[in-house]
Protein backbone atom coordinates (compact mmCIF):
# COMPACT_ATOMS: atom_id res chain seq x y z
CA MET A 1 -5.61 71.66 -31.82
CA ALA A 2 -8.10 74.25 -30.54
CA ILE A 3 -8.61 74.32 -26.77
CA ILE A 4 -11.43 75.49 -24.51
CA ASP A 5 -10.03 76.48 -21.13
CA THR A 6 -12.59 75.56 -18.46
CA HIS A 7 -10.74 77.10 -15.52
CA LEU A 8 -9.61 80.69 -16.02
CA HIS A 9 -9.30 83.03 -13.05
CA LEU A 10 -9.27 86.77 -13.72
CA VAL A 11 -8.45 89.30 -11.03
CA TYR A 12 -9.67 92.89 -11.16
CA GLN A 13 -8.59 94.45 -7.89
CA ASP A 14 -9.99 97.83 -8.87
CA LYS A 15 -13.48 96.31 -8.91
CA PHE A 16 -13.60 93.48 -6.36
CA SER A 17 -12.12 92.44 -3.03
CA TYR A 18 -10.04 89.24 -2.79
CA PRO A 19 -9.19 88.76 0.92
CA TRP A 20 -7.26 85.53 0.31
CA LEU A 21 -4.79 87.13 -2.08
CA SER A 22 -2.99 88.85 0.79
CA GLY A 23 -1.68 85.39 1.66
CA ALA A 24 -0.56 84.68 -1.92
CA PRO A 25 1.89 87.50 -2.70
CA ALA A 26 3.23 85.84 -5.87
CA ILE A 27 -0.11 86.33 -7.64
CA ASN A 28 -1.47 89.28 -5.66
CA ARG A 29 -1.88 91.61 -8.61
CA PRO A 30 -4.31 92.24 -11.48
CA TRP A 31 -4.80 89.43 -14.03
CA THR A 32 -6.85 90.67 -16.95
CA ALA A 33 -8.57 88.96 -19.85
CA GLU A 34 -6.42 90.88 -22.31
CA GLY A 35 -3.22 89.73 -20.62
CA TYR A 36 -4.38 86.12 -20.57
CA PHE A 37 -5.47 85.95 -24.21
CA ALA A 38 -2.26 87.63 -25.39
CA GLU A 39 -0.52 84.41 -24.32
CA ALA A 40 -3.39 81.93 -24.65
CA GLU A 41 -4.29 82.62 -28.28
CA LYS A 42 -0.76 81.72 -29.37
CA LEU A 43 -1.21 78.34 -27.65
CA GLY A 44 -4.42 77.43 -29.47
CA ILE A 45 -6.83 78.42 -26.70
CA GLU A 46 -9.88 79.69 -28.57
CA ALA A 47 -12.24 80.34 -25.65
CA ALA A 48 -12.45 80.11 -21.87
CA LEU A 49 -14.82 79.79 -18.95
CA HIS A 50 -14.21 82.12 -16.07
CA MET A 51 -13.87 80.41 -12.71
CA GLU A 52 -14.87 82.42 -9.66
CA VAL A 53 -11.93 83.72 -7.66
CA ASP A 54 -13.33 83.53 -4.11
CA VAL A 55 -14.10 87.22 -3.94
CA ALA A 56 -15.55 88.70 -0.77
CA GLU A 57 -19.09 87.39 -0.39
CA ALA A 58 -20.59 90.83 -0.97
CA ASP A 59 -18.92 90.91 -4.41
CA ILE A 60 -20.14 87.51 -5.71
CA GLU A 61 -23.03 88.82 -7.78
CA ALA A 62 -21.01 91.73 -9.17
CA GLU A 63 -18.12 89.43 -10.12
CA THR A 64 -20.51 87.04 -11.85
CA ARG A 65 -22.18 89.80 -13.87
CA PHE A 66 -18.86 91.35 -14.87
CA MET A 67 -17.21 88.10 -15.95
CA THR A 68 -20.08 87.08 -18.23
CA ARG A 69 -19.23 90.07 -20.42
CA VAL A 70 -15.55 90.71 -19.68
CA HIS A 71 -14.22 89.53 -23.08
CA PRO A 72 -15.72 88.05 -26.27
CA LYS A 73 -13.73 84.85 -25.83
CA VAL A 74 -14.86 84.32 -22.24
CA ILE A 75 -17.93 82.33 -23.20
CA GLY A 76 -19.37 81.57 -19.78
CA ALA A 77 -18.86 81.78 -16.05
CA ILE A 78 -18.65 79.38 -13.15
CA ALA A 79 -20.05 81.47 -10.33
CA ALA A 80 -19.40 81.33 -6.62
CA GLY A 81 -22.23 80.17 -4.39
CA ARG A 82 -23.01 79.29 -0.80
CA PRO A 83 -25.12 76.10 -0.83
CA GLU A 84 -24.90 75.92 2.95
CA SER A 85 -27.06 79.05 3.11
CA PRO A 86 -30.88 79.08 3.19
CA GLY A 87 -30.62 81.98 0.71
CA PHE A 88 -29.00 79.84 -1.99
CA PRO A 89 -32.26 79.30 -3.96
CA GLU A 90 -32.62 83.05 -4.41
CA TRP A 91 -29.02 83.28 -5.62
CA LEU A 92 -29.70 80.56 -8.19
CA GLU A 93 -32.58 82.59 -9.57
CA ILE A 94 -30.34 85.64 -9.86
CA ALA A 95 -27.49 83.67 -11.44
CA HIS A 96 -29.87 82.13 -13.96
CA SER A 97 -31.28 85.55 -14.85
CA ILE A 98 -27.79 86.94 -15.52
CA GLY A 99 -27.26 84.51 -18.38
CA GLY A 100 -24.00 82.79 -19.21
CA VAL A 101 -23.63 81.11 -15.82
CA LYS A 102 -22.78 77.49 -16.58
CA ALA A 103 -21.98 76.13 -13.12
CA ILE A 104 -21.63 76.99 -9.45
CA ARG A 105 -18.62 76.40 -7.24
CA ARG A 106 -18.21 76.42 -3.48
CA ILE A 107 -14.58 75.98 -2.47
CA LEU A 108 -14.39 72.97 -0.16
CA HIS A 109 -10.69 72.11 -0.13
CA GLN A 110 -10.09 74.93 2.36
CA SER A 111 -13.31 74.43 4.32
CA PRO A 112 -14.23 72.10 7.20
CA ASN A 113 -15.58 68.78 5.94
CA GLU A 114 -18.78 69.40 7.86
CA LEU A 115 -19.68 72.39 5.68
CA SER A 116 -20.95 70.25 2.80
CA GLN A 117 -22.40 67.43 4.88
CA THR A 118 -25.66 69.06 5.94
CA HIS A 119 -29.12 68.37 4.57
CA VAL A 120 -29.40 71.99 3.41
CA PHE A 121 -26.19 71.79 1.39
CA ALA A 122 -27.21 68.62 -0.45
CA GLU A 123 -30.75 69.89 -1.03
CA ASN A 124 -29.42 73.10 -2.55
CA ILE A 125 -26.98 71.23 -4.80
CA ARG A 126 -29.91 69.16 -6.10
CA ARG A 127 -31.59 72.42 -7.14
CA LEU A 128 -28.92 72.89 -9.84
CA GLN A 129 -30.62 70.29 -12.03
CA ALA A 130 -33.61 72.55 -12.62
CA TYR A 131 -31.31 75.28 -13.92
CA ASP A 132 -29.19 72.92 -16.04
CA MET A 133 -26.09 74.01 -14.13
CA ALA A 134 -23.14 71.86 -13.09
CA PHE A 135 -21.36 71.94 -9.74
CA ASP A 136 -17.58 72.32 -9.76
CA LEU A 137 -16.31 70.24 -6.86
CA CYS A 138 -12.99 71.39 -5.40
CA VAL A 139 -11.76 68.95 -2.74
CA ARG A 140 -8.36 67.68 -1.65
CA ALA A 141 -7.23 64.11 -2.14
CA ASP A 142 -7.97 63.29 1.51
CA GLN A 143 -11.52 64.62 1.04
CA LEU A 144 -12.41 62.58 -2.04
CA LEU A 145 -14.02 59.75 -0.09
CA PRO A 146 -15.39 61.46 3.05
CA VAL A 147 -16.60 64.66 1.33
CA GLY A 148 -16.73 64.35 -2.46
CA LYS A 149 -18.24 60.90 -2.95
CA PRO A 150 -21.15 61.28 -0.50
CA LEU A 151 -22.10 64.68 -1.94
CA ILE A 152 -22.09 63.38 -5.51
CA GLU A 153 -24.24 60.43 -4.43
CA LYS A 154 -26.78 62.74 -2.76
CA ALA A 155 -27.36 64.62 -6.05
CA PRO A 156 -27.36 61.85 -8.69
CA HIS A 157 -29.04 63.99 -11.36
CA VAL A 158 -26.60 66.90 -11.09
CA GLN A 159 -23.48 67.10 -13.25
CA PHE A 160 -20.35 67.35 -11.07
CA VAL A 161 -16.94 68.46 -12.32
CA LEU A 162 -14.04 67.41 -10.10
CA ASP A 163 -11.55 70.27 -10.17
CA HIS A 164 -7.77 69.81 -10.36
CA CYS A 165 -7.88 66.00 -10.56
CA GLY A 166 -8.86 65.91 -6.89
CA VAL A 167 -5.88 68.03 -5.74
CA PRO A 168 -3.21 65.30 -5.38
CA ASP A 169 -0.10 66.06 -3.32
CA ILE A 170 2.25 65.42 -6.21
CA ALA A 171 5.26 67.15 -4.67
CA ALA A 172 5.14 64.75 -1.71
CA GLY A 173 4.52 61.72 -3.93
CA LYS A 174 1.33 60.78 -2.08
CA ILE A 175 -0.36 58.87 -4.86
CA GLU A 176 -1.91 55.70 -3.41
CA ALA A 177 -4.75 57.20 -1.33
CA TRP A 178 -5.46 59.70 -4.10
CA ARG A 179 -5.59 56.89 -6.67
CA GLU A 180 -8.10 54.99 -4.52
CA GLY A 181 -10.28 58.09 -4.19
CA ILE A 182 -10.22 58.83 -7.91
CA THR A 183 -11.20 55.26 -8.74
CA ALA A 184 -14.17 55.49 -6.37
CA ILE A 185 -15.31 58.89 -7.64
CA ALA A 186 -15.01 57.78 -11.27
CA ALA A 187 -17.42 54.92 -10.58
CA LEU A 188 -20.18 57.52 -10.15
CA PRO A 189 -21.70 58.33 -13.56
CA ASN A 190 -22.59 61.97 -12.88
CA VAL A 191 -19.04 63.29 -12.49
CA VAL A 192 -16.30 64.28 -14.90
CA CYS A 193 -12.72 65.15 -14.01
CA LYS A 194 -11.03 68.44 -14.84
CA VAL A 195 -7.38 68.05 -15.83
CA SER A 196 -6.26 71.31 -14.30
CA GLY A 197 -4.18 72.59 -11.43
CA ILE A 198 -1.82 69.63 -11.17
CA ILE A 199 1.14 71.63 -12.43
CA ALA A 200 0.79 73.81 -9.33
CA TYR A 201 1.00 70.74 -7.06
CA GLY A 202 4.10 69.23 -8.64
CA GLY A 203 6.68 71.22 -6.71
CA PRO A 204 9.31 73.47 -8.32
CA ASN A 205 9.81 72.91 -12.04
CA PRO A 206 7.23 70.15 -12.56
CA THR A 207 7.83 67.97 -15.61
CA THR A 208 5.74 65.83 -17.91
CA GLU A 209 7.05 62.68 -16.25
CA THR A 210 6.24 64.02 -12.81
CA LEU A 211 2.61 64.54 -13.78
CA ARG A 212 2.17 61.54 -16.08
CA PRO A 213 1.13 58.94 -13.43
CA TYR A 214 -1.65 61.22 -12.24
CA PHE A 215 -2.85 62.06 -15.72
CA GLU A 216 -2.83 58.45 -16.82
CA HIS A 217 -4.80 57.28 -13.78
CA VAL A 218 -7.43 59.95 -14.41
CA ILE A 219 -7.79 58.86 -18.03
CA SER A 220 -7.92 55.16 -17.15
CA SER A 221 -10.55 55.86 -14.48
CA PHE A 222 -12.80 58.36 -16.26
CA GLY A 223 -12.10 57.57 -19.91
CA TRP A 224 -11.85 60.16 -22.68
CA GLU A 225 -15.58 60.93 -22.52
CA ARG A 226 -15.47 62.27 -18.95
CA VAL A 227 -12.51 64.64 -18.81
CA VAL A 228 -12.14 68.36 -19.54
CA TRP A 229 -9.09 70.64 -19.55
CA GLY A 230 -8.35 73.78 -17.57
CA SER A 231 -5.40 76.12 -17.19
CA ASP A 232 -5.94 77.25 -13.59
CA TYR A 233 -4.39 80.52 -14.72
CA PRO A 234 -2.83 82.41 -12.93
CA VAL A 235 -2.40 79.82 -10.16
CA CYS A 236 -0.36 77.76 -12.64
CA THR A 237 2.25 80.53 -12.57
CA LEU A 238 3.16 79.66 -8.98
CA THR A 239 5.36 76.83 -10.27
CA SER A 240 5.47 77.41 -14.03
CA ASN A 241 3.37 79.27 -16.59
CA LEU A 242 0.52 78.81 -19.04
CA THR A 243 2.79 78.09 -21.99
CA THR A 244 4.60 75.33 -20.14
CA TRP A 245 1.34 73.77 -18.91
CA VAL A 246 -0.07 73.62 -22.43
CA GLY A 247 3.22 72.15 -23.62
CA ILE A 248 3.14 69.46 -20.93
CA THR A 249 -0.48 68.72 -21.80
CA ASN A 250 0.49 68.18 -25.43
CA GLU A 251 3.29 65.84 -24.36
CA LEU A 252 0.91 63.88 -22.14
CA LEU A 253 -1.40 63.54 -25.13
CA SER A 254 1.31 62.47 -27.56
CA GLY A 255 0.01 58.91 -27.76
CA ALA A 256 -3.67 59.82 -27.98
CA SER A 257 -5.74 59.91 -31.15
CA ASP A 258 -7.04 63.18 -32.57
CA ASP A 259 -10.52 62.19 -31.40
CA GLU A 260 -9.31 61.59 -27.85
CA LYS A 261 -7.38 64.86 -27.81
CA GLY A 262 -10.42 66.73 -29.09
CA ARG A 263 -12.64 65.29 -26.37
CA LEU A 264 -10.34 66.37 -23.55
CA LEU A 265 -9.39 69.75 -24.96
CA ARG A 266 -12.71 70.92 -26.37
CA GLU A 267 -15.66 68.65 -27.11
CA ASN A 268 -16.42 67.40 -23.60
CA ALA A 269 -16.39 70.96 -22.29
CA ARG A 270 -19.05 71.92 -24.80
CA ARG A 271 -21.28 69.11 -23.61
CA VAL A 272 -20.67 69.36 -19.87
CA TYR A 273 -21.02 73.13 -19.67
CA ARG A 274 -23.57 73.45 -22.51
CA LEU A 275 -21.47 75.85 -24.59
């Protein structure tokens, strides 16, 4: 079944600066669109959205422009942004003018909780509605209730996409607090959950059965109408690889109908990101 990957990271170190990669030696190298699609096309991935890669702030606009035209099968971009900044409205105008920008992301799972709790941050997130852009929300499991839920509630007319199933600590088996947070977030109508990243949190050699309780709780909480799929490539290679993640996804979906599979793997992405 054809797949739209809503979470593809590409790294072009000859063009942009990625300060954080010095602390991630296993993936500190170029990751090109051609290399990704050489593997992805064989797995049924027909198109992808590029997810910003936390480049140096001075490179955000250049990364966004480049990724909207990097490859014919990269059909949109989720751009970096700084909603805590008074200059965010001007960046939204620029991003809109570039074309192909479907959403904005500000990484919060490695930021102080206070960053997203200001009036300016919430006001700037509300501005996304006028541009028909979503906000990709990347928070840890322990941030779902104190950070994620209040922000979503402050921008009820903005489409939120919860990245990586809320970043559960699967390797440590910490499921109860995460489950509570997911249930609460799912009760808010303006958020969908991205089934991505969890293979990287499952410890060495994650298996279908390791990830199944997390996947099943996401589906039971959000339903098939409010989930999208992402590879989190190349971060998924830290514990496995793209081929294995797609294989595990197919195993997790073995009991689903073709309609349900299609919603998760393709159709919901088209609606949520206006593809």
